[in-house]
Full PDB file with SEQRES, HELIX, SHEET, SSBOND, CRYST1, ORIGX, SCALE, CONECT and MASTER records, all heavy atoms in Angstrom:
SEQRES   1 A   34  MET GLY TRP PHE ARG GLN ALA PRO GLY LYS GLN ARG GLU          
SEQRES   2 A   34  PHE VAL ALA GLY ILE SER TRP ALA GLY ASP THR THR TYR          
SEQRES   3 A   34  ILE ILE ASN SER VAL LYS GLY ARG                              
SHEET    1 AA1 3 GLY A   2  ARG A   5  0                                        
SHEET    2 AA1 3 GLU A  13  ILE A  18 -1                                        
SHEET    3 AA1 3 THR A  25  ILE A  27 -1                                        
CRYST1    1.000    1.000    1.000  90.00  90.00  90.00 P 1           1          
ORIGX1      1.000000  0.000000  0.000000        0.00000                         
ORIGX2      0.000000  1.000000  0.000000        0.00000                         
ORIGX3      0.000000  0.000000  1.000000        0.00000                         
SCALE1      1.000000  0.000000  0.000000        0.00000                         
SCALE2      0.000000  1.000000  0.000000        0.00000                         
SCALE3      0.000000  0.000000  1.000000        0.00000                         
ATOM      1  N   MET A   1      89.550 107.743 101.770  1.00  0.00           N  
ATOM      2  CA  MET A   1      89.307 108.029 103.177  1.00  0.00           C  
ATOM      3  C   MET A   1      90.605 107.897 103.961  1.00  0.00           C  
ATOM      4  O   MET A   1      91.519 107.171 103.553  1.00  0.00           O  
ATOM      5  CB  MET A   1      88.270 107.069 103.757  1.00  0.00           C  
ATOM      6  CG  MET A   1      86.893 107.167 103.128  1.00  0.00           C  
ATOM      7  SD  MET A   1      86.091 108.766 103.460  1.00  0.00           S  
ATOM      8  CE  MET A   1      86.025 108.757 105.266  1.00  0.00           C  
ATOM      9  N   GLY A   2      90.657 108.580 105.089  1.00  0.00           N  
ATOM     10  CA  GLY A   2      91.852 108.513 105.909  1.00  0.00           C  
ATOM     11  C   GLY A   2      91.566 108.590 107.390  1.00  0.00           C  
ATOM     12  O   GLY A   2      90.486 109.016 107.816  1.00  0.00           O  
ATOM     13  N   TRP A   3      92.545 108.153 108.149  1.00  0.00           N  
ATOM     14  CA  TRP A   3      92.543 108.301 109.600  1.00  0.00           C  
ATOM     15  C   TRP A   3      93.757 109.110 110.022  1.00  0.00           C  
ATOM     16  O   TRP A   3      94.869 108.877 109.528  1.00  0.00           O  
ATOM     17  CB  TRP A   3      92.575 106.948 110.308  1.00  0.00           C  
ATOM     18  CG  TRP A   3      91.274 106.208 110.293  1.00  0.00           C  
ATOM     19  CD1 TRP A   3      90.900 105.221 109.444  1.00  0.00           C  
ATOM     20  CD2 TRP A   3      90.178 106.408 111.195  1.00  0.00           C  
ATOM     21  NE1 TRP A   3      89.639 104.777 109.750  1.00  0.00           N  
ATOM     22  CE2 TRP A   3      89.173 105.482 110.817  1.00  0.00           C  
ATOM     23  CE3 TRP A   3      89.946 107.256 112.273  1.00  0.00           C  
ATOM     24  CZ2 TRP A   3      87.957 105.406 111.489  1.00  0.00           C  
ATOM     25  CZ3 TRP A   3      88.732 107.176 112.936  1.00  0.00           C  
ATOM     26  CH2 TRP A   3      87.756 106.262 112.545  1.00  0.00           C  
ATOM     27  N   PHE A   4      93.539 110.043 110.923  1.00  0.00           N  
ATOM     28  CA  PHE A   4      94.588 110.871 111.499  1.00  0.00           C  
ATOM     29  C   PHE A   4      94.495 110.784 113.013  1.00  0.00           C  
ATOM     30  O   PHE A   4      93.486 110.349 113.557  1.00  0.00           O  
ATOM     31  CB  PHE A   4      94.438 112.331 111.061  1.00  0.00           C  
ATOM     32  CG  PHE A   4      94.660 112.562 109.602  1.00  0.00           C  
ATOM     33  CD1 PHE A   4      93.703 112.196 108.671  1.00  0.00           C  
ATOM     34  CD2 PHE A   4      95.834 113.159 109.153  1.00  0.00           C  
ATOM     35  CE1 PHE A   4      93.901 112.420 107.316  1.00  0.00           C  
ATOM     36  CE2 PHE A   4      96.039 113.388 107.801  1.00  0.00           C  
ATOM     37  CZ  PHE A   4      95.082 113.018 106.884  1.00  0.00           C  
ATOM     38  N   ARG A   5      95.544 111.229 113.687  1.00  0.00           N  
ATOM     39  CA  ARG A   5      95.498 111.301 115.136  1.00  0.00           C  
ATOM     40  C   ARG A   5      96.235 112.536 115.623  1.00  0.00           C  
ATOM     41  O   ARG A   5      97.132 113.044 114.957  1.00  0.00           O  
ATOM     42  CB  ARG A   5      96.072 110.045 115.784  1.00  0.00           C  
ATOM     43  CG  ARG A   5      97.559 109.821 115.534  1.00  0.00           C  
ATOM     44  CD  ARG A   5      97.978 108.466 116.095  1.00  0.00           C  
ATOM     45  NE  ARG A   5      99.393 108.214 115.906  1.00  0.00           N  
ATOM     46  CZ  ARG A   5      99.995 107.073 116.224  1.00  0.00           C  
ATOM     47  NH1 ARG A   5      99.292 106.074 116.755  1.00  0.00           N  
ATOM     48  NH2 ARG A   5     101.303 106.928 116.019  1.00  0.00           N  
ATOM     49  N   GLN A   6      95.836 113.001 116.798  1.00  0.00           N  
ATOM     50  CA  GLN A   6      96.453 114.178 117.391  1.00  0.00           C  
ATOM     51  C   GLN A   6      96.548 113.999 118.900  1.00  0.00           C  
ATOM     52  O   GLN A   6      95.532 113.866 119.576  1.00  0.00           O  
ATOM     53  CB  GLN A   6      95.668 115.440 117.059  1.00  0.00           C  
ATOM     54  CG  GLN A   6      96.355 116.723 117.484  1.00  0.00           C  
ATOM     55  CD  GLN A   6      95.722 117.945 116.861  1.00  0.00           C  
ATOM     56  OE1 GLN A   6      94.581 117.910 116.421  1.00  0.00           O  
ATOM     57  NE2 GLN A   6      96.476 119.029 116.812  1.00  0.00           N  
ATOM     58  N   ALA A   7      97.769 113.982 119.392  1.00  0.00           N  
ATOM     59  CA  ALA A   7      98.020 113.904 120.817  1.00  0.00           C  
ATOM     60  C   ALA A   7      98.097 115.319 121.389  1.00  0.00           C  
ATOM     61  O   ALA A   7      98.385 116.273 120.658  1.00  0.00           O  
ATOM     62  CB  ALA A   7      99.316 113.150 121.086  1.00  0.00           C  
ATOM     63  N   PRO A   8      97.854 115.488 122.691  1.00  0.00           N  
ATOM     64  CA  PRO A   8      97.926 116.821 123.291  1.00  0.00           C  
ATOM     65  C   PRO A   8      99.271 117.490 123.037  1.00  0.00           C  
ATOM     66  O   PRO A   8     100.322 116.884 123.234  1.00  0.00           O  
ATOM     67  CB  PRO A   8      97.719 116.557 124.775  1.00  0.00           C  
ATOM     68  CG  PRO A   8      96.921 115.297 124.811  1.00  0.00           C  
ATOM     69  CD  PRO A   8      97.437 114.475 123.666  1.00  0.00           C  
ATOM     70  N   GLY A   9      99.226 118.732 122.573  1.00  0.00           N  
ATOM     71  CA  GLY A   9     100.435 119.485 122.324  1.00  0.00           C  
ATOM     72  C   GLY A   9     101.152 119.142 121.042  1.00  0.00           C  
ATOM     73  O   GLY A   9     102.219 119.703 120.768  1.00  0.00           O  
ATOM     74  N   LYS A  10     100.605 118.243 120.249  1.00  0.00           N  
ATOM     75  CA  LYS A  10     101.226 117.842 118.997  1.00  0.00           C  
ATOM     76  C   LYS A  10     100.305 118.137 117.821  1.00  0.00           C  
ATOM     77  O   LYS A  10      99.094 118.275 117.984  1.00  0.00           O  
ATOM     78  CB  LYS A  10     101.575 116.358 119.022  1.00  0.00           C  
ATOM     79  CG  LYS A  10     102.590 115.963 120.081  1.00  0.00           C  
ATOM     80  CD  LYS A  10     102.935 114.495 119.990  1.00  0.00           C  
ATOM     81  CE  LYS A  10     103.969 114.109 121.035  1.00  0.00           C  
ATOM     82  NZ  LYS A  10     104.310 112.664 120.963  1.00  0.00           N  
ATOM     83  N   GLN A  11     100.883 118.230 116.638  1.00  0.00           N  
ATOM     84  CA  GLN A  11     100.083 118.484 115.454  1.00  0.00           C  
ATOM     85  C   GLN A  11      99.425 117.197 114.965  1.00  0.00           C  
ATOM     86  O   GLN A  11      99.842 116.090 115.304  1.00  0.00           O  
ATOM     87  CB  GLN A  11     100.933 119.112 114.350  1.00  0.00           C  
ATOM     88  CG  GLN A  11     101.992 118.210 113.760  1.00  0.00           C  
ATOM     89  CD  GLN A  11     102.798 118.932 112.711  1.00  0.00           C  
ATOM     90  OE1 GLN A  11     103.638 119.765 113.046  1.00  0.00           O  
ATOM     91  NE2 GLN A  11     102.528 118.637 111.449  1.00  0.00           N  
ATOM     92  N   ARG A  12      98.390 117.377 114.175  1.00  0.00           N  
ATOM     93  CA  ARG A  12      97.667 116.243 113.646  1.00  0.00           C  
ATOM     94  C   ARG A  12      98.555 115.440 112.699  1.00  0.00           C  
ATOM     95  O   ARG A  12      99.262 115.992 111.857  1.00  0.00           O  
ATOM     96  CB  ARG A  12      96.407 116.713 112.930  1.00  0.00           C  
ATOM     97  CG  ARG A  12      95.433 115.602 112.611  1.00  0.00           C  
ATOM     98  CD  ARG A  12      94.060 116.167 112.251  1.00  0.00           C  
ATOM     99  NE  ARG A  12      93.475 116.899 113.370  1.00  0.00           N  
ATOM    100  CZ  ARG A  12      92.228 117.356 113.379  1.00  0.00           C  
ATOM    101  NH1 ARG A  12      91.430 117.164 112.336  1.00  0.00           N  
ATOM    102  NH2 ARG A  12      91.780 118.023 114.437  1.00  0.00           N  
ATOM    103  N   GLU A  13      98.510 114.122 112.842  1.00  0.00           N  
ATOM    104  CA  GLU A  13      99.385 113.215 112.124  1.00  0.00           C  
ATOM    105  C   GLU A  13      98.569 112.239 111.287  1.00  0.00           C  
ATOM    106  O   GLU A  13      97.619 111.624 111.780  1.00  0.00           O  
ATOM    107  CB  GLU A  13     100.249 112.445 113.129  1.00  0.00           C  
ATOM    108  CG  GLU A  13     101.106 111.335 112.535  1.00  0.00           C  
ATOM    109  CD  GLU A  13     101.726 110.444 113.597  1.00  0.00           C  
ATOM    110  OE1 GLU A  13     101.088 110.218 114.641  1.00  0.00           O  
ATOM    111  OE2 GLU A  13     102.871 109.983 113.378  1.00  0.00           O  
ATOM    112  N   PHE A  14      98.963 112.064 110.040  1.00  0.00           N  
ATOM    113  CA  PHE A  14      98.351 111.045 109.203  1.00  0.00           C  
ATOM    114  C   PHE A  14      98.707 109.666 109.723  1.00  0.00           C  
ATOM    115  O   PHE A  14      99.858 109.408 110.089  1.00  0.00           O  
ATOM    116  CB  PHE A  14      98.831 111.195 107.756  1.00  0.00           C  
ATOM    117  CG  PHE A  14      98.375 110.094 106.851  1.00  0.00           C  
ATOM    118  CD1 PHE A  14      97.101 110.110 106.304  1.00  0.00           C  
ATOM    119  CD2 PHE A  14      99.211 109.038 106.540  1.00  0.00           C  
ATOM    120  CE1 PHE A  14      96.667 109.097 105.464  1.00  0.00           C  
ATOM    121  CE2 PHE A  14      98.793 108.016 105.705  1.00  0.00           C  
ATOM    122  CZ  PHE A  14      97.513 108.049 105.166  1.00  0.00           C  
ATOM    123  N   VAL A  15      97.735 108.779 109.746  1.00  0.00           N  
ATOM    124  CA  VAL A  15      97.949 107.415 110.223  1.00  0.00           C  
ATOM    125  C   VAL A  15      97.758 106.397 109.109  1.00  0.00           C  
ATOM    126  O   VAL A  15      98.613 105.535 108.883  1.00  0.00           O  
ATOM    127  CB  VAL A  15      97.012 107.072 111.396  1.00  0.00           C  
ATOM    128  CG1 VAL A  15      97.205 105.622 111.833  1.00  0.00           C  
ATOM    129  CG2 VAL A  15      97.256 108.018 112.566  1.00  0.00           C  
ATOM    130  N   ALA A  16      96.638 106.476 108.413  1.00  0.00           N  
ATOM    131  CA  ALA A  16      96.320 105.484 107.392  1.00  0.00           C  
ATOM    132  C   ALA A  16      95.350 106.060 106.378  1.00  0.00           C  
ATOM    133  O   ALA A  16      94.508 106.888 106.712  1.00  0.00           O  
ATOM    134  CB  ALA A  16      95.719 104.229 108.025  1.00  0.00           C  
ATOM    135  N   GLY A  17      95.463 105.599 105.138  1.00  0.00           N  
ATOM    136  CA  GLY A  17      94.556 106.012 104.090  1.00  0.00           C  
ATOM    137  C   GLY A  17      94.170 104.838 103.221  1.00  0.00           C  
ATOM    138  O   GLY A  17      94.901 103.848 103.133  1.00  0.00           O  
ATOM    139  N   ILE A  18      93.020 104.961 102.577  1.00  0.00           N  
ATOM    140  CA  ILE A  18      92.533 103.919 101.682  1.00  0.00           C  
ATOM    141  C   ILE A  18      91.913 104.584 100.464  1.00  0.00           C  
ATOM    142  O   ILE A  18      91.213 105.583 100.575  1.00  0.00           O  
ATOM    143  CB  ILE A  18      91.536 102.984 102.406  1.00  0.00           C  
ATOM    144  CG1 ILE A  18      91.129 101.812 101.510  1.00  0.00           C  
ATOM    145  CG2 ILE A  18      90.314 103.755 102.906  1.00  0.00           C  
ATOM    146  CD1 ILE A  18      90.430 100.696 102.281  1.00  0.00           C  
ATOM    147  N   SER A  19      92.183 104.031  99.286  1.00  0.00           N  
ATOM    148  CA  SER A  19      91.695 104.603  98.045  1.00  0.00           C  
ATOM    149  C   SER A  19      90.185 104.481  97.932  1.00  0.00           C  
ATOM    150  O   SER A  19      89.544 103.706  98.654  1.00  0.00           O  
ATOM    151  CB  SER A  19      92.363 103.916  96.855  1.00  0.00           C  
ATOM    152  OG  SER A  19      91.981 102.561  96.775  1.00  0.00           O  
ATOM    153  N   TRP A  20      89.624 105.232  96.991  1.00  0.00           N  
ATOM    154  CA  TRP A  20      88.166 105.204  96.816  1.00  0.00           C  
ATOM    155  C   TRP A  20      87.671 103.809  96.460  1.00  0.00           C  
ATOM    156  O   TRP A  20      86.565 103.420  96.849  1.00  0.00           O  
ATOM    157  CB  TRP A  20      87.724 106.213  95.745  1.00  0.00           C  
ATOM    158  CG  TRP A  20      88.240 105.917  94.362  1.00  0.00           C  
ATOM    159  CD1 TRP A  20      89.385 106.377  93.795  1.00  0.00           C  
ATOM    160  CD2 TRP A  20      87.607 105.093  93.376  1.00  0.00           C  
ATOM    161  NE1 TRP A  20      89.518 105.895  92.514  1.00  0.00           N  
ATOM    162  CE2 TRP A  20      88.435 105.105  92.233  1.00  0.00           C  
ATOM    163  CE3 TRP A  20      86.421 104.355  93.342  1.00  0.00           C  
ATOM    164  CZ2 TRP A  20      88.119 104.397  91.075  1.00  0.00           C  
ATOM    165  CZ3 TRP A  20      86.109 103.651  92.186  1.00  0.00           C  
ATOM    166  CH2 TRP A  20      86.948 103.680  91.078  1.00  0.00           C  
ATOM    167  N   ALA A  21      88.485 103.046  95.722  1.00  0.00           N  
ATOM    168  CA  ALA A  21      88.099 101.696  95.334  1.00  0.00           C  
ATOM    169  C   ALA A  21      88.391 100.670  96.421  1.00  0.00           C  
ATOM    170  O   ALA A  21      87.945  99.524  96.310  1.00  0.00           O  
ATOM    171  CB  ALA A  21      88.810 101.296  94.047  1.00  0.00           C  
ATOM    172  N   GLY A  22      89.131 101.065  97.441  1.00  0.00           N  
ATOM    173  CA  GLY A  22      89.469 100.154  98.515  1.00  0.00           C  
ATOM    174  C   GLY A  22      90.541  99.145  98.171  1.00  0.00           C  
ATOM    175  O   GLY A  22      90.775  98.210  98.942  1.00  0.00           O  
ATOM    176  N   ASP A  23      91.202  99.344  97.040  1.00  0.00           N  
ATOM    177  CA  ASP A  23      92.179  98.368  96.580  1.00  0.00           C  
ATOM    178  C   ASP A  23      93.615  98.702  96.960  1.00  0.00           C  
ATOM    179  O   ASP A  23      94.493  97.850  96.823  1.00  0.00           O  
ATOM    180  CB  ASP A  23      92.076  98.175  95.064  1.00  0.00           C  
ATOM    181  CG  ASP A  23      92.234  99.469  94.283  1.00  0.00           C  
ATOM    182  OD1 ASP A  23      92.184 100.552  94.891  1.00  0.00           O  
ATOM    183  OD2 ASP A  23      92.396  99.388  93.051  1.00  0.00           O  
ATOM    184  N   THR A  24      93.848  99.924  97.431  1.00  0.00           N  
ATOM    185  CA  THR A  24      95.183 100.302  97.880  1.00  0.00           C  
ATOM    186  C   THR A  24      95.085 101.037  99.208  1.00  0.00           C  
ATOM    187  O   THR A  24      94.118 101.756  99.466  1.00  0.00           O  
ATOM    188  CB  THR A  24      95.909 101.185  96.861  1.00  0.00           C  
ATOM    189  OG1 THR A  24      95.128 102.359  96.597  1.00  0.00           O  
ATOM    190  CG2 THR A  24      96.152 100.429  95.562  1.00  0.00           C  
ATOM    191  N   THR A  25      96.086 100.854 100.031  1.00  0.00           N  
ATOM    192  CA  THR A  25      96.151 101.519 101.326  1.00  0.00           C  
ATOM    193  C   THR A  25      97.551 102.035 101.581  1.00  0.00           C  
ATOM    194  O   THR A  25      98.523 101.587 100.965  1.00  0.00           O  
ATOM    195  CB  THR A  25      95.762 100.579 102.476  1.00  0.00           C  
ATOM    196  OG1 THR A  25      96.695  99.490 102.544  1.00  0.00           O  
ATOM    197  CG2 THR A  25      94.356 100.024 102.281  1.00  0.00           C  
ATOM    198  N   TYR A  26      97.652 102.985 102.512  1.00  0.00           N  
ATOM    199  CA  TYR A  26      98.945 103.428 102.991  1.00  0.00           C  
ATOM    200  C   TYR A  26      98.882 103.544 104.501  1.00  0.00           C  
ATOM    201  O   TYR A  26      97.969 104.167 105.041  1.00  0.00           O  
ATOM    202  CB  TYR A  26      99.362 104.769 102.384  1.00  0.00           C  
ATOM    203  CG  TYR A  26     100.738 105.173 102.837  1.00  0.00           C  
ATOM    204  CD1 TYR A  26     101.872 104.584 102.272  1.00  0.00           C  
ATOM    205  CD2 TYR A  26     100.923 106.100 103.860  1.00  0.00           C  
ATOM    206  CE1 TYR A  26     103.137 104.907 102.711  1.00  0.00           C  
ATOM    207  CE2 TYR A  26     102.188 106.430 104.302  1.00  0.00           C  
ATOM    208  CZ  TYR A  26     103.299 105.833 103.724  1.00  0.00           C  
ATOM    209  OH  TYR A  26     104.556 106.162 104.165  1.00  0.00           O  
ATOM    210  N   ILE A  27      99.861 102.954 105.168  1.00  0.00           N  
ATOM    211  CA  ILE A  27      99.956 102.955 106.616  1.00  0.00           C  
ATOM    212  C   ILE A  27     101.314 103.507 107.008  1.00  0.00           C  
ATOM    213  O   ILE A  27     102.331 103.085 106.451  1.00  0.00           O  
ATOM    214  CB  ILE A  27      99.795 101.533 107.190  1.00  0.00           C  
ATOM    215  CG1 ILE A  27      98.572 100.817 106.610  1.00  0.00           C  
ATOM    216  CG2 ILE A  27      99.739 101.569 108.706  1.00  0.00           C  
ATOM    217  CD1 ILE A  27      97.257 101.391 107.040  1.00  0.00           C  
ATOM    218  N   ILE A  28     101.349 104.420 107.969  1.00  0.00           N  
ATOM    219  CA  ILE A  28     102.638 104.965 108.386  1.00  0.00           C  
ATOM    220  C   ILE A  28     103.463 103.893 109.091  1.00  0.00           C  
ATOM    221  O   ILE A  28     102.927 102.959 109.688  1.00  0.00           O  
ATOM    222  CB  ILE A  28     102.481 106.210 109.283  1.00  0.00           C  
ATOM    223  CG1 ILE A  28     101.686 105.882 110.553  1.00  0.00           C  
ATOM    224  CG2 ILE A  28     101.850 107.338 108.500  1.00  0.00           C  
ATOM    225  CD1 ILE A  28     101.702 107.009 111.574  1.00  0.00           C  
ATOM    226  N   ASN A  29     104.769 104.063 109.014  1.00  0.00           N  
ATOM    227  CA  ASN A  29     105.671 103.033 109.511  1.00  0.00           C  
ATOM    228  C   ASN A  29     105.499 102.736 110.997  1.00  0.00           C  
ATOM    229  O   ASN A  29     105.652 101.581 111.419  1.00  0.00           O  
ATOM    230  CB  ASN A  29     107.120 103.429 109.228  1.00  0.00           C  
ATOM    231  CG  ASN A  29     107.473 103.324 107.764  1.00  0.00           C  
ATOM    232  OD1 ASN A  29     106.864 102.567 107.017  1.00  0.00           O  
ATOM    233  ND2 ASN A  29     108.476 104.082 107.345  1.00  0.00           N  
ATOM    234  N   SER A  30     105.181 103.741 111.789  1.00  0.00           N  
ATOM    235  CA  SER A  30     105.103 103.546 113.228  1.00  0.00           C  
ATOM    236  C   SER A  30     103.954 102.636 113.664  1.00  0.00           C  
ATOM    237  O   SER A  30     103.975 102.115 114.782  1.00  0.00           O  
ATOM    238  CB  SER A  30     105.003 104.893 113.947  1.00  0.00           C  
ATOM    239  OG  SER A  30     103.834 105.592 113.562  1.00  0.00           O  
ATOM    240  N   VAL A  31     102.961 102.458 112.801  1.00  0.00           N  
ATOM    241  CA  VAL A  31     101.841 101.584 113.137  1.00  0.00           C  
ATOM    242  C   VAL A  31     101.701 100.409 112.183  1.00  0.00           C  
ATOM    243  O   VAL A  31     100.828  99.556 112.383  1.00  0.00           O  
ATOM    244  CB  VAL A  31     100.508 102.353 113.211  1.00  0.00           C  
ATOM    245  CG1 VAL A  31     100.611 103.515 114.183  1.00  0.00           C  
ATOM    246  CG2 VAL A  31     100.073 102.843 111.835  1.00  0.00           C  
ATOM    247  N   LYS A  32     102.543 100.351 111.174  1.00  0.00           N  
ATOM    248  CA  LYS A  32     102.480  99.271 110.194  1.00  0.00           C  
ATOM    249  C   LYS A  32     102.667  97.923 110.886  1.00  0.00           C  
ATOM    250  O   LYS A  32     103.546  97.755 111.718  1.00  0.00           O  
ATOM    251  CB  LYS A  32     103.536  99.476 109.118  1.00  0.00           C  
ATOM    252  CG  LYS A  32     103.380  98.570 107.904  1.00  0.00           C  
ATOM    253  CD  LYS A  32     104.376  98.938 106.805  1.00  0.00           C  
ATOM    254  CE  LYS A  32     104.106 100.331 106.263  1.00  0.00           C  
ATOM    255  NZ  LYS A  32     105.049 100.699 105.161  1.00  0.00           N  
ATOM    256  N   GLY A  33     101.821  96.983 110.519  1.00  0.00           N  
ATOM    257  CA  GLY A  33     101.844  95.678 111.149  1.00  0.00           C  
ATOM    258  C   GLY A  33     100.954  95.580 112.361  1.00  0.00           C  
ATOM    259  O   GLY A  33     100.685  94.473 112.845  1.00  0.00           O  
ATOM    260  N   ARG A  34     100.485  96.726 112.867  1.00  0.00           N  
ATOM    261  CA  ARG A  34      99.585  96.751 114.017  1.00  0.00           C  
ATOM    262  C   ARG A  34      98.201  97.292 113.657  1.00  0.00           C  
ATOM    263  O   ARG A  34      97.201  96.831 114.195  1.00  0.00           O  
ATOM    264  CB  ARG A  34     100.173  97.599 115.141  1.00  0.00           C  
ATOM    265  CG  ARG A  34     101.509  97.075 115.660  1.00  0.00           C  
ATOM    266  CD  ARG A  34     101.957  97.820 116.911  1.00  0.00           C  
ATOM    267  NE  ARG A  34     102.208  99.237 116.653  1.00  0.00           N  
ATOM    268  CZ  ARG A  34     101.552 100.243 117.223  1.00  0.00           C  
ATOM    269  NH1 ARG A  34     100.587  99.990 118.099  1.00  0.00           N  
ATOM    270  NH2 ARG A  34     101.866 101.499 116.937  1.00  0.00           N  
TER     271      ARG A  34                                                      
MASTER        0    0    0    0    3    0    0    6  270    1    0    3          
END                                                                             
């Protein structure tokens, strides 16, 4: 599963993803830690 975001006038951006097992994730640097 994943989360994306899109601001007005900008293209859709990947934000975070999680594996099917829930054991691994990926977070983009701009939001990592938050």
